[in-house]
């Protein structure tokens, strides 16, 4: 499978695993963004009784009013939503750049639809070894985009990238 898009950077095992983790969790990330966004105004601060009640605690949280606690918690959730949104955008932007790959469908089948290697091989009419090899190639390509984006862009066909960018505008 010779391609002009062969990964040019050395990808570490940690980077490879991080890309796989992002892909496996992509749908969960999107659902968490929606859930947190919908429930951000339904924050309830619970006061739990514990064996420490009556003892001096010395935390700043103890001295805050309910409104301050809710606002602080709300800001934390907003930060989490922003972080999740960045991860989701990073995954989506990276997937757009490799969408033209011949076997891009493997990414969708394996990571989003959770198909087995054997099912993917049967669906695409190729061998399981080929599915594994192409999956590794695509993950390395995504890792290069995610971890070495500037280098990836300078080493690729700029016209293709401009075309893809114009589609997203």
Protein backbone atom coordinates (compact mmCIF):
# COMPACT_ATOMS: atom_id res chain seq x y z
CA UNK A 1 0.00 0.00 0.00
CA UNK A 2 2.24 2.77 -1.23
CA UNK A 3 0.81 6.19 -0.75
CA UNK A 4 2.08 9.73 -0.92
CA UNK A 5 0.69 10.07 2.57
CA UNK A 6 3.01 7.60 4.30
CA UNK A 7 3.70 8.80 7.84
CA UNK A 8 6.96 10.71 7.88
CA UNK A 9 7.42 11.18 11.62
CA UNK A 10 8.43 8.51 14.14
CA UNK A 11 5.29 7.74 16.14
CA UNK A 12 5.76 6.41 19.69
CA UNK A 13 3.71 3.62 21.18
CA UNK A 14 2.18 6.10 23.64
CA UNK A 15 1.06 8.36 20.78
CA UNK A 16 -0.36 5.37 18.90
CA UNK A 17 -2.33 4.26 21.96
CA UNK A 18 -3.56 7.80 22.65
CA UNK A 19 -4.99 8.05 19.12
CA UNK A 20 -6.72 4.70 19.54
CA UNK A 21 -8.12 5.81 22.91
CA UNK A 22 -9.43 9.03 21.36
CA UNK A 23 -11.07 7.11 18.52
CA UNK A 24 -12.63 4.50 20.81
CA UNK A 25 -14.02 7.26 23.07
CA UNK A 26 -15.04 9.72 20.35
CA UNK A 27 -18.76 8.96 20.58
CA UNK A 28 -18.62 9.01 24.39
CA UNK A 29 -16.90 12.40 24.28
CA UNK A 30 -19.64 13.82 22.07
CA UNK A 31 -22.35 12.41 24.38
CA UNK A 32 -20.62 13.83 27.46
CA UNK A 33 -20.48 17.28 25.86
CA UNK A 34 -24.22 17.16 25.19
CA UNK A 35 -25.04 15.80 28.65
CA UNK A 36 -22.88 18.34 30.50
CA UNK A 37 -24.19 21.20 28.35
CA UNK A 38 -27.81 20.24 28.97
CA UNK A 39 -27.33 19.82 32.73
CA UNK A 40 -25.04 22.72 33.53
CA UNK A 41 -27.84 24.74 35.10
CA UNK A 42 -29.12 21.85 37.21
CA UNK A 43 -26.21 21.90 39.64
CA UNK A 44 -27.04 20.82 43.16
CA UNK A 45 -24.51 21.07 45.97
CA UNK A 46 -25.22 18.38 48.52
CA UNK A 47 -24.26 18.76 52.15
CA UNK A 48 -23.22 15.36 53.41
CA UNK A 49 -23.06 14.58 57.11
CA UNK A 50 -19.89 12.84 58.06
CA UNK A 51 -17.93 11.79 61.08
CA UNK A 52 -15.94 15.01 60.64
CA UNK A 53 -18.98 17.23 61.34
CA UNK A 54 -18.29 19.46 64.28
CA UNK A 55 -14.53 19.28 63.76
CA UNK A 56 -12.69 22.23 62.22
CA UNK A 57 -12.04 21.43 58.57
CA UNK A 58 -10.08 24.48 57.48
CA UNK A 59 -11.02 24.36 53.79
CA UNK A 60 -12.10 27.37 51.83
CA UNK A 61 -15.06 25.37 50.47
CA UNK A 62 -16.58 25.28 53.97
CA UNK A 63 -16.68 29.08 54.07
CA UNK A 64 -18.30 29.57 50.67
CA UNK A 65 -21.99 30.22 50.22
CA UNK A 66 -24.18 27.84 48.20
CA UNK A 67 -24.17 30.30 45.30
CA UNK A 68 -20.37 30.51 45.30
CA UNK A 69 -20.07 26.72 45.43
CA UNK A 70 -22.51 26.33 42.53
CA UNK A 71 -20.73 28.98 40.47
CA UNK A 72 -17.34 27.39 41.10
CA UNK A 73 -18.70 23.98 40.14
CA UNK A 74 -20.38 25.46 37.06
CA UNK A 75 -17.07 27.00 35.92
CA UNK A 76 -15.40 23.61 36.37
CA UNK A 77 -18.04 21.99 34.14
CA UNK A 78 -17.63 24.73 31.52
CA UNK A 79 -13.87 24.03 31.48
CA UNK A 80 -14.56 20.30 31.10
CA UNK A 81 -16.94 20.98 28.20
CA UNK A 82 -14.30 23.14 26.51
CA UNK A 83 -11.65 20.43 26.97
CA UNK A 84 -13.96 17.75 25.60
CA UNK A 85 -14.89 20.03 22.70
CA UNK A 86 -11.21 20.49 21.81
CA UNK A 87 -10.66 16.73 21.83
CA UNK A 88 -13.71 16.17 19.65
CA UNK A 89 -12.64 18.87 17.20
CA UNK A 90 -9.12 17.47 17.05
CA UNK A 91 -10.46 14.02 16.19
CA UNK A 92 -12.93 15.36 13.61
CA UNK A 93 -10.34 17.61 11.93
CA UNK A 94 -7.84 14.75 11.76
CA UNK A 95 -10.41 12.35 10.31
CA UNK A 96 -11.32 14.89 7.62
CA UNK A 97 -7.70 14.94 6.47
CA UNK A 98 -7.56 11.18 5.92
CA UNK A 99 -11.10 10.67 4.63
CA UNK A 100 -9.81 10.20 1.08
CA UNK A 101 -7.72 7.18 2.08
CA UNK A 102 -8.79 4.02 0.26
CA UNK A 103 -9.64 2.05 3.41
CA UNK A 104 -10.77 4.91 5.65
CA UNK A 105 -13.90 2.87 6.30
CA UNK A 106 -11.81 0.61 8.57
CA UNK A 107 -11.58 3.44 11.12
CA UNK A 108 -15.35 3.85 11.17
CA UNK A 109 -16.02 0.13 11.36
CA UNK A 110 -13.46 -0.64 14.06
CA UNK A 111 -13.60 2.38 16.35
CA UNK A 112 -17.08 3.80 15.90
CA UNK A 113 -19.16 0.71 15.11
CA UNK A 114 -16.94 -1.61 17.22
CA UNK A 115 -16.70 -4.34 14.56
CA UNK A 116 -14.14 -7.10 14.93
CA UNK A 117 -11.15 -7.44 12.60
CA UNK A 118 -12.78 -10.52 11.07
CA UNK A 119 -16.07 -8.68 10.43
CA UNK A 120 -14.20 -5.77 8.83
CA UNK A 121 -12.21 -8.14 6.62
CA UNK A 122 -15.39 -9.88 5.50
CA UNK A 123 -17.22 -6.58 4.87
CA UNK A 124 -14.37 -5.15 2.77
CA UNK A 125 -13.39 -8.43 1.10
CA UNK A 126 -9.79 -8.34 2.31
CA UNK A 127 -7.74 -10.50 4.68
CA UNK A 128 -7.48 -9.95 8.42
CA UNK A 129 -3.74 -9.33 8.16
CA UNK A 130 -4.41 -6.60 5.61
CA UNK A 131 -7.01 -5.03 7.91
CA UNK A 132 -4.48 -4.99 10.78
CA UNK A 133 -1.74 -3.53 8.56
CA UNK A 134 -3.99 -0.81 7.15
CA UNK A 135 -5.36 0.00 10.62
CA UNK A 136 -1.80 0.50 11.88
CA UNK A 137 -1.03 2.70 8.88
CA UNK A 138 -4.16 4.84 9.43
CA UNK A 139 -3.55 5.21 13.17
CA UNK A 140 0.04 6.29 12.52
CA UNK A 141 -1.22 8.77 9.96
CA UNK A 142 -3.73 10.17 12.47
CA UNK A 143 -1.02 10.33 15.14
CA UNK A 144 1.19 12.31 12.79
CA UNK A 145 -1.65 14.74 12.15
CA UNK A 146 -2.51 15.08 15.84
CA UNK A 147 1.00 15.25 17.31
CA UNK A 148 2.95 16.77 14.41
CA UNK A 149 0.27 18.82 12.67
CA UNK A 150 2.58 21.58 11.39
CA UNK A 151 4.99 19.06 9.92
CA UNK A 152 2.12 17.04 8.46
CA UNK A 153 0.69 20.06 6.67
CA UNK A 154 4.03 21.12 5.18
CA UNK A 155 4.70 17.58 3.95
CA UNK A 156 1.34 17.05 2.24
CA UNK A 157 -0.47 18.28 -0.80
CA UNK A 158 -1.38 21.88 0.08
CA UNK A 159 -4.11 22.03 -2.60
CA UNK A 160 -5.92 19.09 -0.97
CA UNK A 161 -5.71 20.74 2.43
CA UNK A 162 -7.03 24.04 1.02
CA UNK A 163 -9.91 22.18 -0.61
CA UNK A 164 -10.77 20.43 2.66
CA UNK A 165 -10.52 23.70 4.58
CA UNK A 166 -12.90 25.42 2.16
CA UNK A 167 -15.44 22.61 2.66
CA UNK A 168 -15.46 23.18 6.41
CA UNK A 169 -15.94 26.99 6.16
